[in-house]
């Protein structure tokens, strides 16, 4: 009767070199074996939050990348990033509508004053 060890040796799917279960890249060919977890450092969070407010469309991309992570902290970063993006887009949309309406009112006022001549 054969006894198999619980530790199974893994190989790279591209070059078939032996790899460890904890490796992110194959040391022999450089193939990406698994996705490296995204950083949840405070500085990284602040950068993503600022980017979500200042560059709204990118906040959705960053948020979705973090939502796909298994880590709860990463999911929280993703939710906050998406929420900040939505709030930023709403504020920019309201500001733009008010700005356009203000310019439209000024143009109408000037046109009405010119009709009297």
N, C-alpha and C. Protein backbone atom coordinates (compact mmCIF):
# COMPACT_ATOMS: atom_id res chain seq x y z
N UNK A 1 0.83 -1.17 0.00
CA UNK A 1 0.00 0.00 0.00
C UNK A 1 0.88 1.24 0.00
N UNK A 2 0.57 2.21 -0.91
CA UNK A 2 1.35 3.43 -1.02
C UNK A 2 0.79 4.50 -0.11
N UNK A 3 1.67 5.24 0.48
CA UNK A 3 1.28 6.37 1.30
C UNK A 3 1.73 7.64 0.58
N UNK A 4 0.75 8.51 0.28
CA UNK A 4 1.07 9.76 -0.39
C UNK A 4 1.19 10.87 0.64
N UNK A 5 2.16 11.71 0.42
CA UNK A 5 2.32 12.83 1.34
C UNK A 5 1.24 13.87 1.06
N UNK A 6 0.89 14.63 2.08
CA UNK A 6 -0.12 15.67 1.91
C UNK A 6 0.43 16.86 1.13
N UNK A 7 1.76 16.96 1.04
CA UNK A 7 2.37 18.06 0.30
C UNK A 7 2.54 17.62 -1.14
N UNK A 8 1.84 18.31 -2.03
CA UNK A 8 1.95 17.99 -3.45
C UNK A 8 2.85 19.02 -4.11
N UNK A 9 3.78 18.55 -4.90
CA UNK A 9 4.69 19.43 -5.60
C UNK A 9 3.95 20.07 -6.77
N UNK A 10 4.10 21.37 -6.90
CA UNK A 10 3.46 22.07 -8.00
C UNK A 10 4.49 22.44 -9.05
N UNK A 11 4.03 22.57 -10.29
CA UNK A 11 4.91 22.97 -11.37
C UNK A 11 4.28 24.14 -12.12
N UNK A 12 5.15 24.91 -12.73
CA UNK A 12 4.70 26.05 -13.52
C UNK A 12 3.95 25.54 -14.74
N UNK A 13 2.79 26.12 -15.07
CA UNK A 13 2.04 25.65 -16.23
C UNK A 13 2.74 25.97 -17.56
N UNK A 14 3.70 26.89 -17.56
CA UNK A 14 4.36 27.27 -18.81
C UNK A 14 5.66 26.51 -19.03
N UNK A 15 6.56 26.52 -18.03
CA UNK A 15 7.87 25.90 -18.23
C UNK A 15 8.05 24.61 -17.42
N UNK A 16 7.10 24.28 -16.58
CA UNK A 16 7.07 23.06 -15.77
C UNK A 16 8.18 22.99 -14.73
N UNK A 17 8.70 24.13 -14.33
CA UNK A 17 9.67 24.17 -13.23
C UNK A 17 8.93 24.02 -11.91
N UNK A 18 9.61 23.47 -10.92
CA UNK A 18 8.97 23.31 -9.61
C UNK A 18 8.79 24.68 -8.96
N UNK A 19 7.63 24.89 -8.37
CA UNK A 19 7.32 26.16 -7.72
C UNK A 19 6.73 25.89 -6.34
N UNK A 20 6.77 26.90 -5.49
CA UNK A 20 6.17 26.80 -4.17
C UNK A 20 4.72 27.30 -4.25
N UNK A 21 3.91 26.87 -3.31
CA UNK A 21 2.51 27.32 -3.29
C UNK A 21 2.39 28.81 -3.00
N UNK A 22 3.38 29.39 -2.37
CA UNK A 22 3.33 30.80 -2.01
C UNK A 22 3.89 31.72 -3.08
N UNK A 23 4.44 31.17 -4.16
CA UNK A 23 5.03 31.99 -5.22
C UNK A 23 3.94 32.70 -6.03
N UNK A 24 4.22 33.96 -6.35
CA UNK A 24 3.33 34.72 -7.22
C UNK A 24 3.79 34.63 -8.68
N UNK A 25 5.10 34.46 -8.88
CA UNK A 25 5.67 34.35 -10.21
C UNK A 25 6.59 33.14 -10.27
N UNK A 26 6.72 32.56 -11.44
CA UNK A 26 7.67 31.46 -11.64
C UNK A 26 9.07 32.06 -11.67
N UNK A 27 9.97 31.53 -10.86
CA UNK A 27 11.33 32.06 -10.81
C UNK A 27 12.09 31.76 -12.09
N UNK A 28 11.65 30.75 -12.85
CA UNK A 28 12.36 30.33 -14.05
C UNK A 28 11.95 31.14 -15.29
N UNK A 29 10.63 31.27 -15.53
CA UNK A 29 10.17 31.94 -16.76
C UNK A 29 9.46 33.27 -16.50
N UNK A 30 9.11 33.57 -15.25
CA UNK A 30 8.46 34.83 -14.94
C UNK A 30 6.96 34.84 -15.10
N UNK A 31 6.35 33.69 -15.36
CA UNK A 31 4.90 33.61 -15.54
C UNK A 31 4.18 34.01 -14.26
N UNK A 32 3.12 34.79 -14.42
CA UNK A 32 2.29 35.19 -13.29
C UNK A 32 1.46 33.99 -12.85
N UNK A 33 1.72 33.47 -11.65
CA UNK A 33 1.04 32.28 -11.18
C UNK A 33 -0.28 32.60 -10.48
N UNK A 34 -0.29 33.68 -9.72
CA UNK A 34 -1.51 34.13 -9.08
C UNK A 34 -1.38 35.62 -8.83
N UNK A 35 -2.51 36.25 -8.73
CA UNK A 35 -2.54 37.70 -8.56
C UNK A 35 -2.00 38.08 -7.18
N UNK A 36 -1.11 39.06 -7.17
CA UNK A 36 -0.58 39.57 -5.92
C UNK A 36 -1.67 40.37 -5.23
N UNK A 37 -1.87 40.20 -3.92
CA UNK A 37 -2.92 40.96 -3.24
C UNK A 37 -2.63 42.46 -3.30
N UNK A 38 -3.70 43.24 -3.45
CA UNK A 38 -3.57 44.68 -3.51
C UNK A 38 -3.25 45.25 -2.13
N UNK A 39 -2.53 46.34 -2.12
CA UNK A 39 -2.11 46.96 -0.87
C UNK A 39 -3.29 47.61 -0.16
N UNK A 40 -3.31 47.48 1.16
CA UNK A 40 -4.34 48.14 1.98
C UNK A 40 -3.70 49.13 2.94
N UNK A 41 -2.49 49.60 2.61
CA UNK A 41 -1.80 50.57 3.46
C UNK A 41 -2.57 51.90 3.46
N UNK A 42 -2.40 52.65 4.52
CA UNK A 42 -3.14 53.91 4.68
C UNK A 42 -2.80 54.89 3.56
N UNK A 43 -1.55 54.99 3.18
CA UNK A 43 -1.14 55.90 2.11
C UNK A 43 -1.80 55.48 0.79
N UNK A 44 -1.86 54.20 0.53
CA UNK A 44 -2.50 53.71 -0.69
C UNK A 44 -3.99 54.03 -0.66
N UNK A 45 -4.62 53.84 0.48
CA UNK A 45 -6.05 54.17 0.60
C UNK A 45 -6.29 55.64 0.31
N UNK A 46 -5.48 56.52 0.91
CA UNK A 46 -5.64 57.96 0.70
C UNK A 46 -5.45 58.32 -0.77
N UNK A 47 -4.49 57.68 -1.43
CA UNK A 47 -4.25 57.96 -2.85
C UNK A 47 -5.46 57.54 -3.68
N UNK A 48 -6.03 56.38 -3.40
CA UNK A 48 -7.20 55.93 -4.16
C UNK A 48 -8.42 56.79 -3.86
N UNK A 49 -8.59 57.20 -2.62
CA UNK A 49 -9.73 58.05 -2.28
C UNK A 49 -9.62 59.41 -2.94
N UNK A 50 -8.41 59.99 -2.92
CA UNK A 50 -8.20 61.28 -3.59
C UNK A 50 -8.42 61.13 -5.10
N UNK A 51 -7.93 60.05 -5.66
CA UNK A 51 -8.13 59.80 -7.09
C UNK A 51 -9.60 59.60 -7.43
N UNK A 52 -10.34 58.98 -6.55
CA UNK A 52 -11.77 58.77 -6.78
C UNK A 52 -12.53 60.09 -6.80
N UNK A 53 -12.09 61.05 -5.99
CA UNK A 53 -12.75 62.35 -5.94
C UNK A 53 -12.31 63.23 -7.11
N UNK A 54 -11.01 63.23 -7.40
CA UNK A 54 -10.48 64.11 -8.44
C UNK A 54 -10.58 63.55 -9.85
N UNK A 55 -10.57 62.25 -10.00
CA UNK A 55 -10.67 61.59 -11.31
C UNK A 55 -11.79 60.56 -11.26
N UNK A 56 -13.05 61.04 -11.22
CA UNK A 56 -14.17 60.15 -10.91
C UNK A 56 -14.28 58.85 -11.71
N UNK A 57 -14.12 58.83 -13.00
CA UNK A 57 -14.32 57.54 -13.67
C UNK A 57 -13.36 56.45 -13.22
N UNK A 58 -12.14 56.84 -12.85
CA UNK A 58 -11.17 55.84 -12.43
C UNK A 58 -11.52 55.21 -11.09
N UNK A 59 -12.29 55.89 -10.28
CA UNK A 59 -12.69 55.33 -8.99
C UNK A 59 -13.48 54.05 -9.14
N UNK A 60 -14.27 53.94 -10.21
CA UNK A 60 -15.02 52.71 -10.45
C UNK A 60 -14.07 51.55 -10.74
N UNK A 61 -13.05 51.80 -11.55
CA UNK A 61 -12.09 50.75 -11.91
C UNK A 61 -11.33 50.29 -10.67
N UNK A 62 -10.82 51.26 -9.90
CA UNK A 62 -10.08 50.90 -8.69
C UNK A 62 -10.98 50.20 -7.68
N UNK A 63 -12.20 50.68 -7.53
CA UNK A 63 -13.13 50.07 -6.59
C UNK A 63 -13.47 48.64 -6.95
N UNK A 64 -13.69 48.39 -8.23
CA UNK A 64 -14.01 47.03 -8.66
C UNK A 64 -12.82 46.09 -8.48
N UNK A 65 -11.62 46.59 -8.71
CA UNK A 65 -10.43 45.75 -8.48
C UNK A 65 -10.34 45.35 -7.01
N UNK A 66 -10.62 46.27 -6.11
CA UNK A 66 -10.56 45.96 -4.68
C UNK A 66 -11.73 45.09 -4.24
N UNK A 67 -12.88 45.25 -4.87
CA UNK A 67 -14.04 44.42 -4.50
C UNK A 67 -13.82 42.95 -4.86
N UNK A 68 -12.98 42.67 -5.82
CA UNK A 68 -12.72 41.29 -6.24
C UNK A 68 -11.78 40.55 -5.29
N UNK A 69 -11.13 41.28 -4.39
CA UNK A 69 -10.19 40.67 -3.45
C UNK A 69 -10.94 39.94 -2.34
N UNK A 70 -10.36 38.86 -1.82
CA UNK A 70 -11.04 38.11 -0.75
C UNK A 70 -10.96 38.81 0.61
N UNK A 71 -10.03 39.72 0.77
CA UNK A 71 -9.81 40.41 2.04
C UNK A 71 -10.94 41.40 2.33
N UNK A 72 -11.43 41.42 3.57
CA UNK A 72 -12.51 42.32 3.97
C UNK A 72 -12.06 43.78 3.90
N UNK A 73 -10.83 44.04 4.31
CA UNK A 73 -10.32 45.43 4.26
C UNK A 73 -10.25 45.92 2.82
N UNK A 74 -9.87 45.06 1.90
CA UNK A 74 -9.81 45.44 0.49
C UNK A 74 -11.21 45.73 -0.04
N UNK A 75 -12.18 44.92 0.35
CA UNK A 75 -13.56 45.16 -0.09
C UNK A 75 -14.07 46.50 0.44
N UNK A 76 -13.71 46.84 1.66
CA UNK A 76 -14.11 48.13 2.24
C UNK A 76 -13.51 49.29 1.44
N UNK A 77 -12.25 49.16 1.05
CA UNK A 77 -11.60 50.19 0.24
C UNK A 77 -12.34 50.34 -1.09
N UNK A 78 -12.73 49.22 -1.68
CA UNK A 78 -13.46 49.27 -2.95
C UNK A 78 -14.80 49.96 -2.82
N UNK A 79 -15.53 49.66 -1.76
CA UNK A 79 -16.85 50.27 -1.55
C UNK A 79 -16.71 51.77 -1.33
N UNK A 80 -15.74 52.18 -0.51
CA UNK A 80 -15.54 53.60 -0.25
C UNK A 80 -15.11 54.33 -1.52
N UNK A 81 -14.25 53.71 -2.30
CA UNK A 81 -13.80 54.31 -3.55
C UNK A 81 -14.95 54.52 -4.52
N UNK A 82 -15.81 53.54 -4.64
CA UNK A 82 -16.97 53.66 -5.54
C UNK A 82 -17.94 54.71 -5.01
N UNK A 83 -18.17 54.73 -3.70
CA UNK A 83 -19.07 55.71 -3.11
C UNK A 83 -18.55 57.14 -3.32
N UNK A 84 -17.26 57.35 -3.11
CA UNK A 84 -16.67 58.68 -3.34
C UNK A 84 -16.79 59.08 -4.81
N UNK A 85 -16.64 58.11 -5.70
CA UNK A 85 -16.77 58.39 -7.13
C UNK A 85 -18.18 58.83 -7.47
N UNK A 86 -19.17 58.14 -6.94
CA UNK A 86 -20.57 58.49 -7.20
C UNK A 86 -20.89 59.88 -6.67
N UNK A 87 -20.45 60.16 -5.45
CA UNK A 87 -20.70 61.48 -4.85
C UNK A 87 -20.02 62.56 -5.68
N UNK A 88 -18.80 62.31 -6.09
CA UNK A 88 -18.06 63.28 -6.90
C UNK A 88 -18.76 63.53 -8.23
N UNK A 89 -19.24 62.48 -8.86
CA UNK A 89 -19.95 62.64 -10.14
C UNK A 89 -21.25 63.41 -9.97
N UNK A 90 -21.96 63.18 -8.89
CA UNK A 90 -23.20 63.92 -8.63
C UNK A 90 -22.90 65.40 -8.42
N UNK A 91 -21.87 65.70 -7.64
CA UNK A 91 -21.52 67.10 -7.39
C UNK A 91 -21.09 67.79 -8.68
N UNK A 92 -20.28 67.15 -9.47
CA UNK A 92 -19.82 67.74 -10.73
C UNK A 92 -21.00 67.93 -11.69
N UNK A 93 -21.92 67.00 -11.74
CA UNK A 93 -23.08 67.11 -12.62
C UNK A 93 -23.97 68.28 -12.20
N UNK A 94 -24.25 68.40 -10.91
CA UNK A 94 -25.08 69.51 -10.42
C UNK A 94 -24.39 70.85 -10.68
N UNK A 95 -23.10 70.92 -10.42
CA UNK A 95 -22.36 72.15 -10.66
C UNK A 95 -22.39 72.52 -12.14
N UNK A 96 -22.20 71.55 -13.02
CA UNK A 96 -22.22 71.81 -14.46
C UNK A 96 -23.58 72.29 -14.92
N UNK A 97 -24.65 71.68 -14.44
CA UNK A 97 -26.00 72.11 -14.82
C UNK A 97 -26.25 73.54 -14.34
N UNK A 98 -25.87 73.86 -13.12
CA UNK A 98 -26.04 75.23 -12.61
C UNK A 98 -25.20 76.22 -13.40
N UNK A 99 -24.00 75.86 -13.77
CA UNK A 99 -23.13 76.73 -14.55
C UNK A 99 -23.74 77.01 -15.93
N UNK A 100 -24.21 75.97 -16.58
CA UNK A 100 -24.84 76.14 -17.90
C UNK A 100 -26.11 76.98 -17.80
N UNK A 101 -26.91 76.74 -16.78
CA UNK A 101 -28.12 77.54 -16.60
C UNK A 101 -27.80 79.01 -16.33
N UNK A 102 -26.74 79.28 -15.57
CA UNK A 102 -26.32 80.65 -15.31
C UNK A 102 -25.88 81.36 -16.58
N UNK A 103 -25.09 80.68 -17.39
CA UNK A 103 -24.66 81.28 -18.66
C UNK A 103 -25.85 81.48 -19.58
N UNK A 104 -26.76 80.53 -19.62
CA UNK A 104 -27.96 80.64 -20.44
C UNK A 104 -28.80 81.84 -20.00
N UNK A 105 -28.93 82.06 -18.70
CA UNK A 105 -29.70 83.19 -18.19
C UNK A 105 -29.04 84.51 -18.58
N UNK A 106 -27.71 84.59 -18.51
CA UNK A 106 -27.00 85.80 -18.90
C UNK A 106 -27.17 86.10 -20.39
N UNK A 107 -27.08 85.08 -21.21
CA UNK A 107 -27.24 85.28 -22.65
C UNK A 107 -28.66 85.74 -22.95
N UNK A 108 -29.66 85.13 -22.31
CA UNK A 108 -31.05 85.54 -22.53
C UNK A 108 -31.26 86.98 -22.07
N UNK A 109 -30.67 87.37 -20.96
CA UNK A 109 -30.80 88.74 -20.46
C UNK A 109 -30.18 89.73 -21.45
N UNK A 110 -29.04 89.40 -22.00
CA UNK A 110 -28.41 90.29 -22.97
C UNK A 110 -29.20 90.35 -24.27
N UNK A 111 -29.75 89.24 -24.69
CA UNK A 111 -30.58 89.25 -25.91
C UNK A 111 -31.85 90.07 -25.71
N UNK A 112 -32.45 89.94 -24.52
CA UNK A 112 -33.67 90.72 -24.25
C UNK A 112 -33.35 92.22 -24.19
N UNK A 113 -32.19 92.58 -23.68
CA UNK A 113 -31.84 94.01 -23.64
C UNK A 113 -31.53 94.55 -25.03
N UNK A 114 -31.07 93.70 -25.93
CA UNK A 114 -30.79 94.15 -27.31
C UNK A 114 -32.06 94.27 -28.15
N UNK A 115 -33.14 93.62 -27.77
CA UNK A 115 -34.37 93.69 -28.55
C UNK A 115 -35.03 95.06 -28.44
N UNK A 116 -34.71 95.81 -27.44
CA UNK A 116 -35.29 97.12 -27.25
C UNK A 116 -34.76 98.16 -28.23
N UNK A 117 -33.65 97.91 -28.87
CA UNK A 117 -33.06 98.90 -29.80
C UNK A 117 -33.79 98.93 -31.08
